[in-house]
Amino acid sequence: MSKIKTFFLNGQEYYTYSTISLLDLLNYFNYNSSLLVLEYNNFVCNKKNWNRIFISENDKIEIVTIVGGG
């Protein structure tokens, strides 16, 4: 039986039993990965690593989306 993990996404608390990567998380919440910057535990995370970093207990993830306008 897997242990439940608590993590924070944009300040909101979430829970998971699954082993999920940052990329899995973005896909689950339907983010457009080409238009965002991801901060993982206070460090900006390079897009090429999103599929290799897995959510751990008490991780803090901040997603900033880029919006165009004029």
PDB file of N, CA and C in Angstrom:
ATOM      1  N   MET A   1       0.838  -1.176   0.000  1.00  0.00           N
ATOM      2  CA  MET A   1       0.000   0.000   0.000  1.00  0.00           C
ATOM      3  C   MET A   1       0.885   1.242   0.000  1.00  0.00           C
ATOM      4  N   SER A   2       0.610   2.169  -0.887  1.00  0.00           N
ATOM      5  CA  SER A   2       1.386   3.395  -0.991  1.00  0.00           C
ATOM      6  C   SER A   2       0.992   4.384   0.096  1.00  0.00           C
ATOM      7  N   LYS A   3       1.949   5.172   0.493  1.00  0.00           N
ATOM      8  CA  LYS A   3       1.695   6.213   1.483  1.00  0.00           C
ATOM      9  C   LYS A   3       1.184   7.461   0.772  1.00  0.00           C
ATOM     10  N   ILE A   4       0.242   8.129   1.393  1.00  0.00           N
ATOM     11  CA  ILE A   4      -0.289   9.357   0.828  1.00  0.00           C
ATOM     12  C   ILE A   4       0.770  10.452   0.935  1.00  0.00           C
ATOM     13  N   LYS A   5       0.884  11.250  -0.128  1.00  0.00           N
ATOM     14  CA  LYS A   5       1.827  12.366  -0.151  1.00  0.00           C
ATOM     15  C   LYS A   5       1.037  13.663  -0.250  1.00  0.00           C
ATOM     16  N   THR A   6       1.451  14.641   0.542  1.00  0.00           N
ATOM     17  CA  THR A   6       0.873  15.972   0.493  1.00  0.00           C
ATOM     18  C   THR A   6       1.830  16.854  -0.294  1.00  0.00           C
ATOM     19  N   PHE A   7       1.274  17.648  -1.207  1.00  0.00           N
ATOM     20  CA  PHE A   7       2.092  18.629  -1.920  1.00  0.00           C
ATOM     21  C   PHE A   7       1.262  19.882  -2.121  1.00  0.00           C
ATOM     22  N   PHE A   8       1.931  20.955  -2.483  1.00  0.00           N
ATOM     23  CA  PHE A   8       1.271  22.248  -2.643  1.00  0.00           C
ATOM     24  C   PHE A   8       1.462  22.746  -4.064  1.00  0.00           C
ATOM     25  N   LEU A   9       0.374  23.092  -4.707  1.00  0.00           N
ATOM     26  CA  LEU A   9       0.398  23.622  -6.063  1.00  0.00           C
ATOM     27  C   LEU A   9      -0.233  25.006  -6.033  1.00  0.00           C
ATOM     28  N   ASN A  10       0.572  26.015  -6.336  1.00  0.00           N
ATOM     29  CA  ASN A  10       0.121  27.411  -6.291  1.00  0.00           C
ATOM     30  C   ASN A  10      -0.561  27.741  -4.961  1.00  0.00           C
ATOM     31  N   GLY A  11       0.030  27.246  -3.872  1.00  0.00           N
ATOM     32  CA  GLY A  11      -0.459  27.534  -2.532  1.00  0.00           C
ATOM     33  C   GLY A  11      -1.606  26.659  -2.056  1.00  0.00           C
ATOM     34  N   GLN A  12      -2.161  25.843  -2.936  1.00  0.00           N
ATOM     35  CA  GLN A  12      -3.284  24.959  -2.598  1.00  0.00           C
ATOM     36  C   GLN A  12      -2.747  23.579  -2.222  1.00  0.00           C
ATOM     37  N   GLU A  13      -3.273  22.993  -1.170  1.00  0.00           N
ATOM     38  CA  GLU A  13      -2.828  21.685  -0.707  1.00  0.00           C
ATOM     39  C   GLU A  13      -3.529  20.570  -1.483  1.00  0.00           C
ATOM     40  N   TYR A  14      -2.732  19.589  -1.942  1.00  0.00           N
ATOM     41  CA  TYR A  14      -3.248  18.427  -2.670  1.00  0.00           C
ATOM     42  C   TYR A  14      -2.645  17.163  -2.074  1.00  0.00           C
ATOM     43  N   TYR A  15      -3.277  16.034  -2.385  1.00  0.00           N
ATOM     44  CA  TYR A  15      -2.825  14.738  -1.890  1.00  0.00           C
ATOM     45  C   TYR A  15      -2.797  13.746  -3.045  1.00  0.00           C
ATOM     46  N   THR A  16      -1.849  12.803  -2.975  1.00  0.00           N
ATOM     47  CA  THR A  16      -1.797  11.744  -3.971  1.00  0.00           C
ATOM     48  C   THR A  16      -1.220  10.471  -3.355  1.00  0.00           C
ATOM     49  N   TYR A  17      -1.709   9.338  -3.819  1.00  0.00           N
ATOM     50  CA  TYR A  17      -1.120   8.041  -3.503  1.00  0.00           C
ATOM     51  C   TYR A  17      -0.171   7.624  -4.622  1.00  0.00           C
ATOM     52  N   SER A  18      -0.345   8.211  -5.785  1.00  0.00           N
ATOM     53  CA  SER A  18       0.384   7.820  -6.983  1.00  0.00           C
ATOM     54  C   SER A  18       1.771   8.452  -7.035  1.00  0.00           C
ATOM     55  N   THR A  19       2.639   7.831  -7.804  1.00  0.00           N
ATOM     56  CA  THR A  19       3.927   8.418  -8.127  1.00  0.00           C
ATOM     57  C   THR A  19       3.722   9.202  -9.415  1.00  0.00           C
ATOM     58  N   ILE A  20       3.810  10.532  -9.299  1.00  0.00           N
ATOM     59  CA  ILE A  20       3.559  11.375 -10.472  1.00  0.00           C
ATOM     60  C   ILE A  20       4.719  12.331 -10.690  1.00  0.00           C
ATOM     61  N   SER A  21       5.013  12.565 -11.949  1.00  0.00           N
ATOM     62  CA  SER A  21       6.054  13.519 -12.311  1.00  0.00           C
ATOM     63  C   SER A  21       5.431  14.909 -12.446  1.00  0.00           C
ATOM     64  N   LEU A  22       6.289  15.905 -12.536  1.00  0.00           N
ATOM     65  CA  LEU A  22       5.789  17.260 -12.776  1.00  0.00           C
ATOM     66  C   LEU A  22       5.013  17.320 -14.081  1.00  0.00           C
ATOM     67  N   LEU A  23       5.492  16.625 -15.106  1.00  0.00           N
ATOM     68  CA  LEU A  23       4.791  16.604 -16.389  1.00  0.00           C
ATOM     69  C   LEU A  23       3.414  15.953 -16.249  1.00  0.00           C
ATOM     70  N   ASP A  24       3.319  14.858 -15.492  1.00  0.00           N
ATOM     71  CA  ASP A  24       2.018  14.221 -15.235  1.00  0.00           C
ATOM     72  C   ASP A  24       1.057  15.211 -14.572  1.00  0.00           C
ATOM     73  N   LEU A  25       1.579  15.963 -13.620  1.00  0.00           N
ATOM     74  CA  LEU A  25       0.768  16.939 -12.895  1.00  0.00           C
ATOM     75  C   LEU A  25       0.235  18.016 -13.832  1.00  0.00           C
ATOM     76  N   LEU A  26       1.095  18.536 -14.690  1.00  0.00           N
ATOM     77  CA  LEU A  26       0.686  19.558 -15.656  1.00  0.00           C
ATOM     78  C   LEU A  26      -0.373  19.020 -16.610  1.00  0.00           C
ATOM     79  N   ASN A  27      -0.187  17.798 -17.065  1.00  0.00           N
ATOM     80  CA  ASN A  27      -1.172  17.185 -17.958  1.00  0.00           C
ATOM     81  C   ASN A  27      -2.496  16.957 -17.247  1.00  0.00           C
ATOM     82  N   TYR A  28      -2.452  16.529 -16.002  1.00  0.00           N
ATOM     83  CA  TYR A  28      -3.672  16.292 -15.237  1.00  0.00           C
ATOM     84  C   TYR A  28      -4.505  17.566 -15.103  1.00  0.00           C
ATOM     85  N   PHE A  29      -3.834  18.689 -14.832  1.00  0.00           N
ATOM     86  CA  PHE A  29      -4.531  19.958 -14.677  1.00  0.00           C
ATOM     87  C   PHE A  29      -4.708  20.705 -15.999  1.00  0.00           C
ATOM     88  N   ASN A  30      -4.321  20.056 -17.109  1.00  0.00           N
ATOM     89  CA  ASN A  30      -4.542  20.572 -18.454  1.00  0.00           C
ATOM     90  C   ASN A  30      -3.849  21.917 -18.716  1.00  0.00           C
ATOM     91  N   TYR A  31      -2.621  22.064 -18.209  1.00  0.00           N
ATOM     92  CA  TYR A  31      -1.831  23.262 -18.483  1.00  0.00           C
ATOM     93  C   TYR A  31      -1.196  23.155 -19.866  1.00  0.00           C
ATOM     94  N   ASN A  32      -1.088  24.279 -20.563  1.00  0.00           N
ATOM     95  CA  ASN A  32      -0.371  24.346 -21.824  1.00  0.00           C
ATOM     96  C   ASN A  32       1.100  24.574 -21.490  1.00  0.00           C
ATOM     97  N   SER A  33       1.905  23.541 -21.580  1.00  0.00           N
ATOM     98  CA  SER A  33       3.294  23.598 -21.116  1.00  0.00           C
ATOM     99  C   SER A  33       4.174  24.570 -21.900  1.00  0.00           C
ATOM    100  N   SER A  34       3.736  24.989 -23.070  1.00  0.00           N
ATOM    101  CA  SER A  34       4.550  25.935 -23.846  1.00  0.00           C
ATOM    102  C   SER A  34       4.391  27.365 -23.347  1.00  0.00           C
ATOM    103  N   LEU A  35       3.402  27.614 -22.487  1.00  0.00           N
ATOM    104  CA  LEU A  35       3.118  28.971 -22.039  1.00  0.00           C
ATOM    105  C   LEU A  35       3.270  29.151 -20.534  1.00  0.00           C
ATOM    106  N   LEU A  36       4.200  28.416 -19.915  1.00  0.00           N
ATOM    107  CA  LEU A  36       4.333  28.564 -18.478  1.00  0.00           C
ATOM    108  C   LEU A  36       5.770  28.402 -18.006  1.00  0.00           C
ATOM    109  N   VAL A  37       5.980  28.870 -16.782  1.00  0.00           N
ATOM    110  CA  VAL A  37       7.235  28.690 -16.064  1.00  0.00           C
ATOM    111  C   VAL A  37       6.885  27.932 -14.799  1.00  0.00           C
ATOM    112  N   LEU A  38       7.685  26.935 -14.457  1.00  0.00           N
ATOM    113  CA  LEU A  38       7.398  26.106 -13.303  1.00  0.00           C
ATOM    114  C   LEU A  38       8.509  26.266 -12.268  1.00  0.00           C
ATOM    115  N   GLU A  39       8.094  26.568 -11.037  1.00  0.00           N
ATOM    116  CA  GLU A  39       9.022  26.655  -9.917  1.00  0.00           C
ATOM    117  C   GLU A  39       8.766  25.453  -9.017  1.00  0.00           C
ATOM    118  N   TYR A  40       9.840  24.716  -8.721  1.00  0.00           N
ATOM    119  CA  TYR A  40       9.736  23.505  -7.913  1.00  0.00           C
ATOM    120  C   TYR A  40      10.617  23.667  -6.685  1.00  0.00           C
ATOM    121  N   ASN A  41      10.001  23.734  -5.512  1.00  0.00           N
ATOM    122  CA  ASN A  41      10.725  23.938  -4.252  1.00  0.00           C
ATOM    123  C   ASN A  41      11.673  25.134  -4.322  1.00  0.00           C
ATOM    124  N   ASN A  42      11.140  26.245  -4.802  1.00  0.00           N
ATOM    125  CA  ASN A  42      11.825  27.551  -4.863  1.00  0.00           C
ATOM    126  C   ASN A  42      12.908  27.662  -5.942  1.00  0.00           C
ATOM    127  N   PHE A  43      12.960  26.729  -6.873  1.00  0.00           N
ATOM    128  CA  PHE A  43      13.904  26.805  -7.986  1.00  0.00           C
ATOM    129  C   PHE A  43      13.148  26.688  -9.303  1.00  0.00           C
ATOM    130  N   VAL A  44      13.482  27.530 -10.264  1.00  0.00           N
ATOM    131  CA  VAL A  44      12.882  27.416 -11.588  1.00  0.00           C
ATOM    132  C   VAL A  44      13.368  26.107 -12.199  1.00  0.00           C
ATOM    133  N   CYS A  45      12.426  25.337 -12.701  1.00  0.00           N
ATOM    134  CA  CYS A  45      12.716  23.997 -13.208  1.00  0.00           C
ATOM    135  C   CYS A  45      12.726  23.997 -14.732  1.00  0.00           C
ATOM    136  N   ASN A  46      13.797  23.482 -15.304  1.00  0.00           N
ATOM    137  CA  ASN A  46      13.937  23.388 -16.751  1.00  0.00           C
ATOM    138  C   ASN A  46      12.923  22.387 -17.304  1.00  0.00           C
ATOM    139  N   LYS A  47      12.275  22.764 -18.379  1.00  0.00           N
ATOM    140  CA  LYS A  47      11.226  21.943 -19.003  1.00  0.00           C
ATOM    141  C   LYS A  47      11.708  20.529 -19.343  1.00  0.00           C
ATOM    142  N   LYS A  48      12.958  20.366 -19.714  1.00  0.00           N
ATOM    143  CA  LYS A  48      13.457  19.039 -20.104  1.00  0.00           C
ATOM    144  C   LYS A  48      13.518  18.071 -18.913  1.00  0.00           C
ATOM    145  N   ASN A  49      13.408  18.591 -17.687  1.00  0.00           N
ATOM    146  CA  ASN A  49      13.454  17.742 -16.497  1.00  0.00           C
ATOM    147  C   ASN A  49      12.072  17.416 -15.921  1.00  0.00           C
ATOM    148  N   TRP A  50      11.020  17.972 -16.471  1.00  0.00           N
ATOM    149  CA  TRP A  50       9.691  17.799 -15.895  1.00  0.00           C
ATOM    150  C   TRP A  50       9.257  16.342 -15.818  1.00  0.00           C
ATOM    151  N   ASN A  51       9.665  15.530 -16.753  1.00  0.00           N
ATOM    152  CA  ASN A  51       9.262  14.118 -16.734  1.00  0.00           C
ATOM    153  C   ASN A  51      10.148  13.264 -15.836  1.00  0.00           C
ATOM    154  N   ARG A  52      11.240  13.847 -15.307  1.00  0.00           N
ATOM    155  CA  ARG A  52      12.169  13.100 -14.456  1.00  0.00           C
ATOM    156  C   ARG A  52      12.084  13.489 -12.983  1.00  0.00           C
ATOM    157  N   ILE A  53      11.296  14.499 -12.664  1.00  0.00           N
ATOM    158  CA  ILE A  53      11.150  14.941 -11.275  1.00  0.00           C
ATOM    159  C   ILE A  53       9.788  14.468 -10.777  1.00  0.00           C
ATOM    160  N   PHE A  54       9.805  13.715  -9.683  1.00  0.00           N
ATOM    161  CA  PHE A  54       8.591  13.134  -9.142  1.00  0.00           C
ATOM    162  C   PHE A  54       8.203  13.825  -7.839  1.00  0.00           C
ATOM    163  N   ILE A  55       6.901  13.992  -7.649  1.00  0.00           N
ATOM    164  CA  ILE A  55       6.362  14.684  -6.486  1.00  0.00           C
ATOM    165  C   ILE A  55       6.690  13.902  -5.226  1.00  0.00           C
ATOM    166  N   SER A  56       7.212  14.616  -4.234  1.00  0.00           N
ATOM    167  CA  SER A  56       7.519  14.050  -2.925  1.00  0.00           C
ATOM    168  C   SER A  56       6.716  14.783  -1.853  1.00  0.00           C
ATOM    169  N   GLU A  57       6.753  14.247  -0.658  1.00  0.00           N
ATOM    170  CA  GLU A  57       6.036  14.827   0.473  1.00  0.00           C
ATOM    171  C   GLU A  57       6.424  16.292   0.681  1.00  0.00           C
ATOM    172  N   ASN A  58       5.420  17.145   0.806  1.00  0.00           N
ATOM    173  CA  ASN A  58       5.559  18.584   1.101  1.00  0.00           C
ATOM    174  C   ASN A  58       6.250  19.402   0.010  1.00  0.00           C
ATOM    175  N   ASP A  59       6.316  18.892  -1.207  1.00  0.00           N
ATOM    176  CA  ASP A  59       6.862  19.687  -2.316  1.00  0.00           C
ATOM    177  C   ASP A  59       5.996  20.913  -2.553  1.00  0.00           C
ATOM    178  N   LYS A  60       6.652  21.969  -2.983  1.00  0.00           N
ATOM    179  CA  LYS A  60       5.954  23.214  -3.313  1.00  0.00           C
ATOM    180  C   LYS A  60       6.182  23.518  -4.792  1.00  0.00           C
ATOM    181  N   ILE A  61       5.085  23.600  -5.530  1.00  0.00           N
ATOM    182  CA  ILE A  61       5.144  23.826  -6.962  1.00  0.00           C
ATOM    183  C   ILE A  61       4.352  25.095  -7.264  1.00  0.00           C
ATOM    184  N   GLU A  62       4.977  25.993  -7.979  1.00  0.00           N
ATOM    185  CA  GLU A  62       4.304  27.225  -8.411  1.00  0.00           C
ATOM    186  C   GLU A  62       4.343  27.258  -9.931  1.00  0.00           C
ATOM    187  N   ILE A  63       3.198  27.531 -10.537  1.00  0.00           N
ATOM    188  CA  ILE A  63       3.095  27.612 -11.977  1.00  0.00           C
ATOM    189  C   ILE A  63       2.681  29.012 -12.356  1.00  0.00           C
ATOM    190  N   VAL A  64       3.474  29.623 -13.213  1.00  0.00           N
ATOM    191  CA  VAL A  64       3.181  30.962 -13.706  1.00  0.00           C
ATOM    192  C   VAL A  64       2.920  30.847 -15.198  1.00  0.00           C
ATOM    193  N   THR A  65       1.730  31.243 -15.621  1.00  0.00           N
ATOM    194  CA  THR A  65       1.407  31.190 -17.043  1.00  0.00           C
ATOM    195  C   THR A  65       1.719  32.528 -17.696  1.00  0.00           C
ATOM    196  N   ILE A  66       2.118  32.467 -18.933  1.00  0.00           N
ATOM    197  CA  ILE A  66       2.460  33.649 -19.710  1.00  0.00           C
ATOM    198  C   ILE A  66       1.232  34.062 -20.514  1.00  0.00           C
ATOM    199  N   VAL A  67       0.860  35.322 -20.393  1.00  0.00           N
ATOM    200  CA  VAL A  67      -0.316  35.843 -21.083  1.00  0.00           C
ATOM    201  C   VAL A  67       0.115  37.003 -21.981  1.00  0.00           C
ATOM    202  N   GLY A  68      -0.266  36.929 -23.231  1.00  0.00           N
ATOM    203  CA  GLY A  68       0.050  38.011 -24.157  1.00  0.00           C
ATOM    204  C   GLY A  68      -1.070  39.034 -24.182  1.00  0.00           C
ATOM    205  N   GLY A  69      -0.743  40.175 -24.647  1.00  0.00           N
ATOM    206  CA  GLY A  69      -1.756  41.220 -24.739  1.00  0.00           C
ATOM    207  C   GLY A  69      -1.146  42.492 -25.292  1.00  0.00           C
ATOM    208  N   GLY A  70      -1.934  43.483 -25.355  1.00  0.00           N
ATOM    209  CA  GLY A  70      -1.394  44.706 -25.919  1.00  0.00           C
ATOM    210  C   GLY A  70      -2.079  45.934 -25.399  1.00  0.00           C
TER     211      GLY A  70
END
